Amino acid sequence: MKTNKIDLDLDFIGGQGSLTKIEEKELSDFFKSRKLSARTTIRQQVGTTIRPNVIA
């Protein structure tokens, strides 16, 4: 039995119209929150480095 494969034209998924002001605001807020969360995880990883005490 042959399986059917559907080719998607990704340029047209979601419609061809422009975004509304509300949709633009929601996307902007989403990317801002994502950027801030990425910064906090980087800071947490960098701040947990433990250095050994060296007596010279």
N, C-alpha and C. Protein backbone atom coordinates (compact mmCIF):
# COMPACT_ATOMS: atom_id res chain seq x y z
N MET A 1 0.84 -1.17 0.00
CA MET A 1 0.00 0.00 0.00
C MET A 1 0.90 1.24 0.00
N LYS A 2 0.59 2.19 -0.83
CA LYS A 2 1.38 3.40 -0.95
C LYS A 2 0.81 4.48 -0.03
N THR A 3 1.70 5.17 0.67
CA THR A 3 1.24 6.26 1.53
C THR A 3 1.23 7.55 0.73
N ASN A 4 0.24 8.35 0.98
CA ASN A 4 0.14 9.64 0.30
C ASN A 4 0.89 10.70 1.10
N LYS A 5 1.68 11.46 0.42
CA LYS A 5 2.44 12.52 1.05
C LYS A 5 1.89 13.85 0.58
N ILE A 6 1.56 14.72 1.52
CA ILE A 6 0.99 16.01 1.17
C ILE A 6 2.13 17.04 1.18
N ASP A 7 2.32 17.70 0.06
CA ASP A 7 3.31 18.76 -0.02
C ASP A 7 2.67 20.06 0.45
N LEU A 8 3.32 20.71 1.40
CA LEU A 8 2.80 21.96 1.93
C LEU A 8 3.57 23.12 1.32
N ASP A 9 2.84 24.14 0.92
CA ASP A 9 3.46 25.37 0.45
C ASP A 9 3.50 26.30 1.65
N LEU A 10 4.65 26.37 2.31
CA LEU A 10 4.76 27.07 3.58
C LEU A 10 4.56 28.57 3.47
N ASP A 11 4.67 29.12 2.29
CA ASP A 11 4.48 30.55 2.13
C ASP A 11 3.02 30.96 2.33
N PHE A 12 2.11 30.03 2.20
CA PHE A 12 0.70 30.38 2.24
C PHE A 12 -0.04 29.85 3.46
N ILE A 13 0.62 29.17 4.36
CA ILE A 13 -0.04 28.69 5.57
C ILE A 13 -0.32 29.88 6.48
N GLY A 14 -1.54 30.00 6.95
CA GLY A 14 -1.90 31.08 7.85
C GLY A 14 -2.51 32.27 7.13
N GLY A 15 -2.68 32.20 5.85
CA GLY A 15 -3.30 33.29 5.12
C GLY A 15 -2.27 34.22 4.51
N GLN A 16 -2.76 35.06 3.62
CA GLN A 16 -1.87 35.98 2.93
C GLN A 16 -2.01 37.41 3.43
N GLY A 17 -2.97 37.66 4.30
CA GLY A 17 -3.20 39.01 4.78
C GLY A 17 -2.16 39.45 5.79
N SER A 18 -2.14 40.74 6.06
CA SER A 18 -1.20 41.26 7.05
C SER A 18 -1.75 41.06 8.46
N LEU A 19 -0.87 41.17 9.44
CA LEU A 19 -1.26 41.00 10.83
C LEU A 19 -2.03 42.22 11.33
N THR A 20 -2.94 41.99 12.26
CA THR A 20 -3.64 43.11 12.89
C THR A 20 -2.74 43.70 13.96
N LYS A 21 -3.11 44.86 14.47
CA LYS A 21 -2.31 45.51 15.52
C LYS A 21 -2.27 44.65 16.77
N ILE A 22 -3.36 43.98 17.10
CA ILE A 22 -3.41 43.13 18.29
C ILE A 22 -2.46 41.94 18.12
N GLU A 23 -2.46 41.33 16.94
CA GLU A 23 -1.57 40.20 16.68
C GLU A 23 -0.11 40.63 16.72
N GLU A 24 0.20 41.82 16.19
CA GLU A 24 1.57 42.33 16.24
C GLU A 24 2.01 42.53 17.68
N LYS A 25 1.13 43.08 18.51
CA LYS A 25 1.44 43.33 19.93
C LYS A 25 1.67 42.01 20.66
N GLU A 26 0.82 41.00 20.41
CA GLU A 26 0.97 39.70 21.05
C GLU A 26 2.30 39.04 20.67
N LEU A 27 2.65 39.11 19.39
CA LEU A 27 3.93 38.54 18.96
C LEU A 27 5.11 39.28 19.58
N SER A 28 5.01 40.59 19.64
CA SER A 28 6.07 41.38 20.24
C SER A 28 6.26 41.02 21.71
N ASP A 29 5.15 40.91 22.45
CA ASP A 29 5.22 40.55 23.87
C ASP A 29 5.80 39.15 24.05
N PHE A 30 5.41 38.23 23.17
CA PHE A 30 5.92 36.86 23.25
C PHE A 30 7.43 36.83 23.07
N PHE A 31 7.94 37.53 22.06
CA PHE A 31 9.38 37.51 21.80
C PHE A 31 10.15 38.23 22.91
N LYS A 32 9.57 39.29 23.48
CA LYS A 32 10.23 39.97 24.60
C LYS A 32 10.35 39.05 25.80
N SER A 33 9.26 38.34 26.14
CA SER A 33 9.30 37.44 27.29
C SER A 33 10.25 36.28 27.05
N ARG A 34 10.30 35.80 25.82
CA ARG A 34 11.21 34.70 25.48
C ARG A 34 12.66 35.15 25.60
N LYS A 35 12.93 36.37 25.17
CA LYS A 35 14.29 36.91 25.24
C LYS A 35 14.71 37.10 26.70
N LEU A 36 13.80 37.60 27.54
CA LEU A 36 14.12 37.80 28.94
C LEU A 36 14.35 36.48 29.66
N SER A 37 13.54 35.47 29.35
CA SER A 37 13.72 34.17 30.00
C SER A 37 15.04 33.54 29.58
N ALA A 38 15.46 33.75 28.35
CA ALA A 38 16.74 33.22 27.89
C ALA A 38 17.89 33.90 28.63
N ARG A 39 17.77 35.18 28.89
CA ARG A 39 18.81 35.90 29.61
C ARG A 39 18.94 35.39 31.04
N THR A 40 17.82 35.13 31.71
CA THR A 40 17.88 34.68 33.10
C THR A 40 18.48 33.29 33.20
N THR A 41 18.21 32.41 32.25
CA THR A 41 18.81 31.07 32.31
C THR A 41 20.31 31.14 32.08
N ILE A 42 20.76 32.04 31.22
CA ILE A 42 22.20 32.19 30.98
C ILE A 42 22.88 32.71 32.25
N ARG A 43 22.26 33.69 32.91
CA ARG A 43 22.84 34.23 34.13
C ARG A 43 22.90 33.18 35.22
N GLN A 44 21.90 32.33 35.34
CA GLN A 44 21.90 31.30 36.35
C GLN A 44 23.01 30.29 36.08
N GLN A 45 23.24 29.94 34.85
CA GLN A 45 24.28 28.98 34.51
C GLN A 45 25.66 29.56 34.78
N VAL A 46 25.86 30.82 34.46
CA VAL A 46 27.16 31.45 34.65
C VAL A 46 27.44 31.65 36.13
N GLY A 47 26.43 32.01 36.91
CA GLY A 47 26.61 32.31 38.32
C GLY A 47 26.88 31.10 39.19
N THR A 48 26.68 29.89 38.72
CA THR A 48 26.84 28.70 39.55
C THR A 48 28.24 28.09 39.47
N THR A 49 29.18 28.76 38.85
CA THR A 49 30.53 28.23 38.73
C THR A 49 31.23 28.30 40.09
N ILE A 50 31.81 27.18 40.53
CA ILE A 50 32.52 27.13 41.81
C ILE A 50 34.02 27.01 41.53
N ARG A 51 34.76 27.92 42.11
CA ARG A 51 36.21 27.91 41.93
C ARG A 51 36.87 27.35 43.18
N PRO A 52 37.87 26.49 43.03
CA PRO A 52 38.54 25.94 44.21
C PRO A 52 39.43 26.99 44.88
N ASN A 53 39.57 26.87 46.19
CA ASN A 53 40.44 27.79 46.92
C ASN A 53 41.88 27.33 46.75
N VAL A 54 42.75 28.24 46.33
CA VAL A 54 44.15 27.94 46.09
C VAL A 54 44.97 28.72 47.09
N ILE A 55 45.80 28.01 47.85
CA ILE A 55 46.67 28.68 48.83
C ILE A 55 48.06 28.77 48.20
N ALA A 56 48.54 30.00 48.07
CA ALA A 56 49.83 30.18 47.39
C ALA A 56 50.92 30.52 48.37
